[in-house]
């Protein structure tokens, strides 16, 4: 027997900060499409019937026809969103009838769906609010999208050099990165200095500089910094990495993390005009929200991704481990993830610590490998001087290639 599950959707969760033409809904920024009314984020649903209900509060309108699309998106397919169904409604009639309309689809597993509304001929509609809910009437039957729609990345085919041993005690080098700890010897390498210059880092925070430089070196070393390779920054709005990559013709989606502080906006990101002109950066770097504990289903199909400190900012080791595992779903098969965080240089961490012990890193790596992914060999800096801070933690970079 099927069970109904209602979910509340953010009507403006796709175009962050953009104002709706239904005043005064949406954000405060004027978007590029004057016909835009609302657009939810892509989400997956239980296979089977789904009913979307749109409710306008205090709707008033003298003219305007609202066109509603339900679009589908196959994660990792490399294809554009496809129209599933379309509805049209007169805003005048909708206001008279109470401001509620329903749209129905049949959902498939592994396919994301979004509701998009627009006014092709304009409108004078106003409303005090808009809510969109989805009632899932389907079962848990597996009705997956065809596997042949998933296309691997065409970038970064450099081998991760699957080692005979998962952990090595060789001296780590910055020039040839594996999953490794920051060490003093790496700071003296020419490759490190080159990355610091490329990111215009000022040297005031060596640990932070090394994390950012390591991401760039890894992506470059493994062949991801190529024109049209699409990258995802998970929760990183402060580093210059996105600007440097956009300047090298890599489109970036900057997913700004939202947990308790409310919705992030495009204006939350720092810009780095010395690395990338503002106009080029705004055109090449799309800002949007994401919840690191439940990554949206439309964040899929990227060639590479990175995060800085996200895995240790979620409150527990368990949450950090789940984030590291779930993030791989954002990549195309063969895509590379570079996750930077602090590890406990010695000893074991508790579940509440804001660091991850090396023993748990080994366990996470084994789990990822068991699921068909590749993990670059682990090097905890035993063969050189690991740069641990006063609290006993040291910066670490985990490199993972998604299997498939």
Protein backbone atom coordinates (compact mmCIF):
# COMPACT_ATOMS: atom_id res chain seq x y z
CA UNK A 1 0.00 0.00 0.00
CA UNK A 2 1.31 3.47 -0.86
CA UNK A 3 1.74 6.08 1.83
CA UNK A 4 1.28 9.82 1.28
CA UNK A 5 4.24 12.01 2.27
CA UNK A 6 3.92 15.80 1.96
CA UNK A 7 7.03 17.90 1.44
CA UNK A 8 7.27 21.69 1.43
CA UNK A 9 9.39 23.13 -1.37
CA UNK A 10 11.15 26.49 -1.60
CA UNK A 11 9.45 28.25 -4.55
CA UNK A 12 12.59 30.34 -5.14
CA UNK A 13 15.26 27.77 -4.32
CA UNK A 14 16.77 27.56 -7.81
CA UNK A 15 17.47 31.18 -8.74
CA UNK A 16 18.92 32.48 -5.51
CA UNK A 17 17.99 36.08 -4.72
CA UNK A 18 16.12 36.75 -7.99
CA UNK A 19 12.94 38.80 -7.71
CA UNK A 20 9.71 37.26 -8.99
CA UNK A 21 7.50 39.21 -11.38
CA UNK A 22 4.72 38.44 -8.85
CA UNK A 23 5.51 41.32 -6.54
CA UNK A 24 6.94 41.37 -3.93
CA UNK A 25 7.83 37.66 -3.94
CA UNK A 26 11.27 36.13 -4.38
CA UNK A 27 14.52 37.92 -3.73
CA UNK A 28 15.64 41.51 -4.09
CA UNK A 29 17.84 41.18 -7.17
CA UNK A 30 16.56 41.79 -10.67
CA UNK A 31 17.18 38.60 -12.60
CA UNK A 32 17.99 38.25 -16.31
CA UNK A 33 14.48 36.93 -17.16
CA UNK A 34 11.69 39.49 -16.59
CA UNK A 35 9.09 36.73 -17.07
CA UNK A 36 10.39 34.66 -14.13
CA UNK A 37 7.84 33.85 -11.41
CA UNK A 38 9.30 30.94 -9.40
CA UNK A 39 11.57 27.91 -9.77
CA UNK A 40 12.09 25.20 -7.16
CA UNK A 41 15.30 23.25 -6.80
CA UNK A 42 15.46 19.83 -8.45
CA UNK A 43 14.55 17.05 -6.03
CA UNK A 44 13.90 13.35 -6.31
CA UNK A 45 10.66 11.69 -5.21
CA UNK A 46 9.42 8.22 -4.48
CA UNK A 47 8.65 6.48 -7.78
CA UNK A 48 4.99 6.87 -8.67
CA UNK A 49 2.39 9.66 -8.60
CA UNK A 50 3.37 13.05 -7.15
CA UNK A 51 0.93 15.95 -6.75
CA UNK A 52 2.33 19.48 -6.53
CA UNK A 53 0.04 22.06 -4.93
CA UNK A 54 0.69 25.78 -5.37
CA UNK A 55 -1.08 28.14 -2.96
CA UNK A 56 -0.95 31.93 -3.38
CA UNK A 57 -1.81 34.01 -0.35
CA UNK A 58 -3.60 37.31 -0.98
CA UNK A 59 -3.35 36.96 -4.76
CA UNK A 60 -4.58 39.89 -6.86
CA UNK A 61 -4.27 40.25 -10.63
CA UNK A 62 -5.96 42.05 -13.51
CA UNK A 63 -4.03 40.31 -16.29
CA UNK A 64 -1.42 37.68 -16.95
CA UNK A 65 -1.30 34.00 -17.89
CA UNK A 66 0.95 31.83 -15.71
CA UNK A 67 2.71 28.98 -17.51
CA UNK A 68 3.85 26.18 -15.20
CA UNK A 69 6.45 23.64 -16.29
CA UNK A 70 7.48 20.50 -14.43
CA UNK A 71 10.99 19.76 -15.68
CA UNK A 72 13.07 16.62 -15.15
CA UNK A 73 16.82 16.32 -14.83
CA UNK A 74 18.85 13.10 -14.95
CA UNK A 75 21.84 13.47 -12.58
CA UNK A 76 25.19 13.06 -14.25
CA UNK A 77 23.69 12.72 -17.73
CA UNK A 78 25.22 15.85 -19.19
CA UNK A 79 21.83 16.57 -20.76
CA UNK A 80 19.66 19.61 -20.24
CA UNK A 81 16.44 19.53 -18.22
CA UNK A 82 13.44 18.12 -20.09
CA UNK A 83 9.80 19.23 -19.98
CA UNK A 84 7.55 16.63 -18.31
CA UNK A 85 4.23 18.45 -18.27
CA UNK A 86 2.90 21.99 -18.73
CA UNK A 87 -0.11 23.88 -17.38
CA UNK A 88 -1.54 27.34 -18.11
CA UNK A 89 -3.78 29.39 -15.83
CA UNK A 90 -5.25 32.88 -15.92
CA UNK A 91 -4.09 34.81 -12.87
CA UNK A 92 -7.38 36.67 -12.76
CA UNK A 93 -9.32 33.41 -12.60
CA UNK A 94 -6.87 31.93 -10.14
CA UNK A 95 -7.30 34.92 -7.82
CA UNK A 96 -11.09 34.59 -7.98
CA UNK A 97 -10.99 30.87 -7.21
CA UNK A 98 -8.82 31.15 -4.10
CA UNK A 99 -5.27 31.07 -5.48
CA UNK A 100 -4.68 27.28 -5.51
CA UNK A 101 -3.64 25.04 -8.39
CA UNK A 102 -2.39 21.43 -8.57
CA UNK A 103 -0.07 19.67 -11.04
CA UNK A 104 0.51 15.91 -11.20
CA UNK A 105 3.39 13.79 -12.51
CA UNK A 106 4.70 10.23 -12.24
CA UNK A 107 8.15 10.28 -10.67
CA UNK A 108 11.06 7.96 -11.45
CA UNK A 109 13.95 7.08 -9.17
CA UNK A 110 17.28 8.81 -9.86
CA UNK A 111 15.51 11.64 -11.71
CA UNK A 112 15.12 15.12 -10.22
CA UNK A 113 12.01 17.24 -10.79
CA UNK A 114 11.44 20.99 -10.44
CA UNK A 115 8.46 23.36 -10.80
CA UNK A 116 9.10 26.44 -12.95
CA UNK A 117 6.58 29.26 -13.49
CA UNK A 118 6.75 32.25 -15.83
CA UNK A 119 4.57 34.85 -17.58
CA UNK A 120 5.32 34.98 -21.32
CA UNK A 121 3.19 38.12 -21.75
CA UNK A 122 3.81 39.75 -18.37
CA UNK A 123 1.47 40.30 -15.41
CA UNK A 124 0.47 42.81 -12.76
CA UNK A 125 -0.06 40.03 -10.17
CA UNK A 126 0.76 40.64 -6.52
CA UNK A 127 0.65 38.18 -3.62
CA UNK A 128 1.50 38.10 0.07
CA UNK A 129 3.09 34.65 -0.25
CA UNK A 130 3.46 31.43 -2.22
CA UNK A 131 3.81 27.89 -0.87
CA UNK A 132 4.45 24.78 -2.92
CA UNK A 133 3.98 21.31 -1.47
CA UNK A 134 4.56 17.89 -3.00
CA UNK A 135 2.45 14.89 -2.01
CA UNK A 136 4.27 11.63 -2.78
CA UNK A 137 1.79 8.86 -3.48
CA UNK A 138 4.23 6.36 -4.95
CA UNK A 139 5.80 3.18 -3.62
CA UNK A 140 9.45 2.37 -3.06
CA UNK A 141 9.60 0.32 -6.23
CA UNK A 142 12.84 0.78 -8.14
CA UNK A 143 12.02 2.57 -11.41
CA UNK A 144 15.46 3.94 -12.17
CA UNK A 145 16.51 6.01 -15.15
CA UNK A 146 18.36 4.06 -17.86
CA UNK A 147 22.00 3.61 -16.87
CA UNK A 148 23.20 4.50 -20.36
CA UNK A 149 22.10 8.13 -19.78
CA UNK A 150 24.98 8.57 -17.30
CA UNK A 151 28.10 9.81 -19.08
CA UNK A 152 31.54 9.86 -17.47
CA UNK A 153 33.59 13.02 -17.34
CA UNK A 154 35.92 13.59 -20.27
CA UNK A 155 38.40 15.45 -18.06
CA UNK A 156 41.00 14.36 -15.55
CA UNK A 157 41.76 10.86 -16.72
CA UNK A 158 45.14 10.84 -14.91
CA UNK A 159 45.35 7.66 -12.84
CA UNK A 160 45.22 7.93 -9.05
CA UNK A 161 47.96 5.27 -8.95
CA UNK A 162 46.13 2.61 -6.96
CA UNK A 163 48.73 1.64 -4.34
CA UNK A 164 49.55 -1.78 -2.92
CA UNK A 165 49.13 -0.23 0.55
CA UNK A 166 46.42 2.27 1.42
CA UNK A 167 48.73 4.24 3.74
CA UNK A 168 52.31 5.29 3.04
CA UNK A 169 54.97 6.87 5.24
CA UNK A 170 56.96 8.30 2.33
CA UNK A 171 57.74 12.02 2.48
CA UNK A 172 54.69 13.77 0.95
CA UNK A 173 55.33 16.28 -1.82
CA UNK A 174 53.13 19.16 -2.91
CA UNK A 175 54.18 18.72 -6.53
CA UNK A 176 52.60 15.25 -6.79
CA UNK A 177 49.60 15.31 -4.43
CA UNK A 178 47.96 12.28 -2.87
CA UNK A 179 45.59 12.31 0.10
CA UNK A 180 48.01 13.97 2.49
CA UNK A 181 48.76 16.10 5.52
CA UNK A 182 50.38 19.53 5.35
CA UNK A 183 54.12 19.34 6.14
CA UNK A 184 56.88 21.90 6.49
CA UNK A 185 58.79 20.57 3.49
CA UNK A 186 55.84 21.20 1.15
CA UNK A 187 55.84 24.92 1.99
CA UNK A 188 59.36 25.19 0.53
CA UNK A 189 58.44 23.64 -2.83
CA UNK A 190 58.37 25.71 -5.99
CA UNK A 191 54.99 24.13 -6.90
CA UNK A 192 53.49 25.44 -3.64
CA UNK A 193 54.83 28.94 -4.19
CA UNK A 194 53.43 28.90 -7.74
CA UNK A 195 49.94 28.05 -6.46
CA UNK A 196 50.15 30.75 -3.78
CA UNK A 197 50.99 33.29 -6.49
CA UNK A 198 48.24 31.99 -8.78
CA UNK A 199 45.68 32.53 -6.01
CA UNK A 200 47.17 35.84 -4.83
CA UNK A 201 47.36 34.53 -1.25
CA UNK A 202 48.91 36.91 1.26
CA UNK A 203 50.57 34.36 3.56
CA UNK A 204 48.86 35.53 6.75
CA UNK A 205 47.32 32.08 7.37
CA UNK A 206 49.64 29.25 6.28
CA UNK A 207 47.12 26.48 7.03
CA UNK A 208 44.35 28.20 5.07
CA UNK A 209 46.76 29.02 2.22
CA UNK A 210 47.91 25.41 2.01
CA UNK A 211 44.33 24.11 1.81
CA UNK A 212 43.46 26.43 -1.05
CA UNK A 213 46.73 25.86 -2.87
CA UNK A 214 46.38 22.07 -2.47
CA UNK A 215 42.97 22.09 -4.17
CA UNK A 216 44.35 24.01 -7.15
CA UNK A 217 47.46 21.82 -7.40
CA UNK A 218 45.40 18.63 -7.23
CA UNK A 219 42.91 19.72 -9.88
CA UNK A 220 45.76 20.87 -12.13
CA UNK A 221 47.85 17.76 -11.54
CA UNK A 222 44.95 15.41 -12.32
CA UNK A 223 43.93 17.25 -15.49
CA UNK A 224 40.73 18.97 -14.30
CA UNK A 225 41.74 22.60 -14.92
CA UNK A 226 40.66 22.55 -18.55
CA UNK A 227 38.29 24.79 -20.49
CA UNK A 228 34.64 23.78 -19.98
CA UNK A 229 35.35 21.38 -17.09
CA UNK A 230 32.48 22.14 -14.71
CA UNK A 231 33.35 22.49 -11.02
CA UNK A 232 31.35 22.60 -7.80
CA UNK A 233 32.44 24.53 -4.70
CA UNK A 234 30.64 23.02 -1.72
CA UNK A 235 30.33 25.67 0.97
CA UNK A 236 33.43 27.59 -0.11
CA UNK A 237 32.53 31.26 -0.70
CA UNK A 238 35.66 32.79 0.85
CA UNK A 239 38.62 31.39 -1.08
CA UNK A 240 39.79 32.75 -4.46
CA UNK A 241 39.63 29.28 -6.03
CA UNK A 242 36.39 29.86 -7.93
CA UNK A 243 37.67 33.14 -9.39
CA UNK A 244 40.98 31.58 -10.47
CA UNK A 245 39.17 28.64 -12.13
CA UNK A 246 36.57 30.81 -13.89
CA UNK A 247 39.45 32.89 -15.27
CA UNK A 248 40.78 29.65 -16.76
CA UNK A 249 37.42 28.94 -18.48
CA UNK A 250 36.06 26.46 -15.92
CA UNK A 251 32.40 27.24 -15.11
CA UNK A 252 31.81 26.96 -11.35
CA UNK A 253 28.68 26.44 -9.28
CA UNK A 254 29.21 27.93 -5.84
CA UNK A 255 26.89 26.11 -3.42
CA UNK A 256 26.63 28.27 -0.32
CA UNK A 257 25.88 26.18 2.72
CA UNK A 258 22.70 26.87 4.66
CA UNK A 259 22.13 25.18 8.02
CA UNK A 260 20.72 27.55 10.62
CA UNK A 261 21.65 30.97 9.36
CA UNK A 262 18.96 31.22 6.68
CA UNK A 263 19.18 31.63 2.94
CA UNK A 264 22.43 32.67 1.34
CA UNK A 265 22.48 34.97 -1.66
CA UNK A 266 24.76 35.73 -4.55
CA UNK A 267 26.03 38.79 -2.68
CA UNK A 268 27.40 36.50 0.07
CA UNK A 269 30.35 35.48 -2.11
CA UNK A 270 33.61 37.34 -2.18
CA UNK A 271 34.88 38.52 -5.55
CA UNK A 272 38.54 38.64 -6.53
CA UNK A 273 38.94 41.18 -9.36
CA UNK A 274 42.73 40.76 -9.39
CA UNK A 275 42.21 37.14 -10.46
CA UNK A 276 39.00 37.43 -12.47
CA UNK A 277 37.06 40.56 -13.54
CA UNK A 278 33.73 40.85 -11.72
CA UNK A 279 31.67 40.62 -14.91
CA UNK A 280 33.45 37.43 -16.01
CA UNK A 281 33.19 35.96 -12.51
CA UNK A 282 29.44 36.67 -12.25
CA UNK A 283 28.85 35.11 -15.67
CA UNK A 284 30.99 32.04 -14.96
CA UNK A 285 30.15 31.34 -11.31
CA UNK A 286 26.53 30.49 -10.41
CA UNK A 287 25.60 30.94 -6.74
CA UNK A 288 22.95 28.83 -5.06
CA UNK A 289 22.03 27.36 -1.67
CA UNK A 290 22.69 23.84 -0.43
CA UNK A 291 22.32 21.88 2.77
CA UNK A 292 25.43 19.75 3.41
CA UNK A 293 23.31 17.25 5.35
CA UNK A 294 20.91 16.73 2.43
CA UNK A 295 22.58 17.70 -0.84
CA UNK A 296 19.99 18.64 -3.48
CA UNK A 297 19.44 16.23 -6.35
CA UNK A 298 20.03 18.87 -9.00
CA UNK A 299 23.65 19.26 -7.87
CA UNK A 300 24.78 16.54 -10.25
CA UNK A 301 26.94 16.05 -13.32
CA UNK A 302 30.08 17.96 -12.24
CA UNK A 303 33.57 17.09 -13.44
CA UNK A 304 35.19 18.05 -10.14
CA UNK A 305 34.32 19.48 -6.76
CA UNK A 306 36.02 20.73 -3.63
CA UNK A 307 35.18 21.72 -0.07
CA UNK A 308 37.22 23.49 2.60
CA UNK A 309 36.54 22.58 6.25
CA UNK A 310 32.94 21.57 5.49
CA UNK A 311 33.43 17.99 6.69
CA UNK A 312 34.43 19.21 10.17
CA UNK A 313 31.88 22.01 10.52
CA UNK A 314 28.77 19.86 10.73
CA UNK A 315 28.87 19.10 14.43
CA UNK A 316 29.95 15.46 14.49
CA UNK A 317 32.26 12.98 12.84
CA UNK A 318 29.22 11.00 11.64
CA UNK A 319 27.81 14.03 9.82
CA UNK A 320 31.19 14.75 8.28
CA UNK A 321 31.55 11.17 7.09
CA UNK A 322 28.07 11.24 5.54
CA UNK A 323 28.88 14.50 3.76
CA UNK A 324 32.08 13.07 2.27
CA UNK A 325 30.20 10.03 0.98
CA UNK A 326 27.14 11.89 -0.33
CA UNK A 327 29.19 14.53 -2.13
CA UNK A 328 30.41 11.96 -4.65
CA UNK A 329 26.87 11.76 -6.06
CA UNK A 330 27.44 15.30 -7.40
CA UNK A 331 30.18 14.07 -9.75
CA UNK A 332 30.07 12.44 -13.13
CA UNK A 333 31.61 8.96 -13.13
CA UNK A 334 35.37 9.49 -13.09
CA UNK A 335 35.07 12.97 -11.55
CA UNK A 336 37.45 14.12 -8.80
CA UNK A 337 36.55 15.37 -5.30
CA UNK A 338 39.09 17.27 -3.17
CA UNK A 339 38.00 17.69 0.44
CA UNK A 340 40.12 19.81 2.80
CA UNK A 341 39.72 19.65 6.58
CA UNK A 342 41.68 19.30 9.81
CA UNK A 343 42.62 15.92 11.18
CA UNK A 344 43.77 14.97 14.65
CA UNK A 345 47.49 14.44 14.20
CA UNK A 346 47.71 11.99 17.09
CA UNK A 347 45.17 9.92 19.00
CA UNK A 348 41.47 9.29 18.46
CA UNK A 349 38.72 11.90 18.11
CA UNK A 350 35.32 11.70 19.75
CA UNK A 351 32.09 11.97 17.76
CA UNK A 352 31.70 15.62 18.81
CA UNK A 353 35.24 16.77 17.91
CA UNK A 354 35.75 19.30 15.11
CA UNK A 355 38.50 17.10 13.67
CA UNK A 356 38.70 13.60 12.23
CA UNK A 357 41.30 11.10 13.40
CA UNK A 358 43.58 9.36 10.94
CA UNK A 359 42.05 6.03 11.93
CA UNK A 360 38.63 7.24 10.87
CA UNK A 361 40.04 8.66 7.65
CA UNK A 362 41.32 5.17 6.86
CA UNK A 363 37.88 3.73 7.62
CA UNK A 364 36.17 6.32 5.41
CA UNK A 365 38.63 5.61 2.59
CA UNK A 366 37.97 1.87 2.81
CA UNK A 367 34.22 2.50 2.71
CA UNK A 368 34.55 4.68 -0.39
CA UNK A 369 36.75 2.09 -2.09
CA UNK A 370 34.28 -0.69 -1.23
CA UNK A 371 31.60 1.27 -3.10
CA UNK A 372 33.67 1.28 -6.29
CA UNK A 373 35.45 4.63 -5.91
CA UNK A 374 39.19 5.31 -5.97
CA UNK A 375 41.00 7.10 -3.13
CA UNK A 376 44.46 8.55 -3.61
CA UNK A 377 46.95 6.93 -1.23
CA UNK A 378 46.84 8.26 2.33
CA UNK A 379 49.96 10.01 3.66
CA UNK A 380 49.73 11.40 7.19
CA UNK A 381 53.12 13.12 7.11
CA UNK A 382 55.01 10.51 9.13
CA UNK A 383 57.93 10.78 6.73
CA UNK A 384 58.31 14.53 7.29
CA UNK A 385 57.40 17.17 9.85
CA UNK A 386 53.60 17.48 9.96
CA UNK A 387 52.55 21.03 10.77
CA UNK A 388 50.18 20.48 13.68
CA UNK A 389 48.60 23.45 15.45
CA UNK A 390 48.43 24.01 19.20
CA UNK A 391 45.21 21.98 19.43
CA UNK A 392 46.88 18.97 17.85
CA UNK A 393 45.21 19.22 14.45
CA UNK A 394 46.80 19.45 11.01
CA UNK A 395 45.38 20.35 7.58
CA UNK A 396 44.61 17.34 5.38
CA UNK A 397 43.44 16.90 1.81
CA UNK A 398 41.38 13.85 0.75
CA UNK A 399 41.33 13.06 -2.99
CA UNK A 400 38.59 10.74 -4.29
CA UNK A 401 37.59 9.72 -7.81
CA UNK A 402 33.99 8.64 -8.27
CA UNK A 403 33.60 5.15 -9.64
CA UNK A 404 31.27 4.08 -12.39
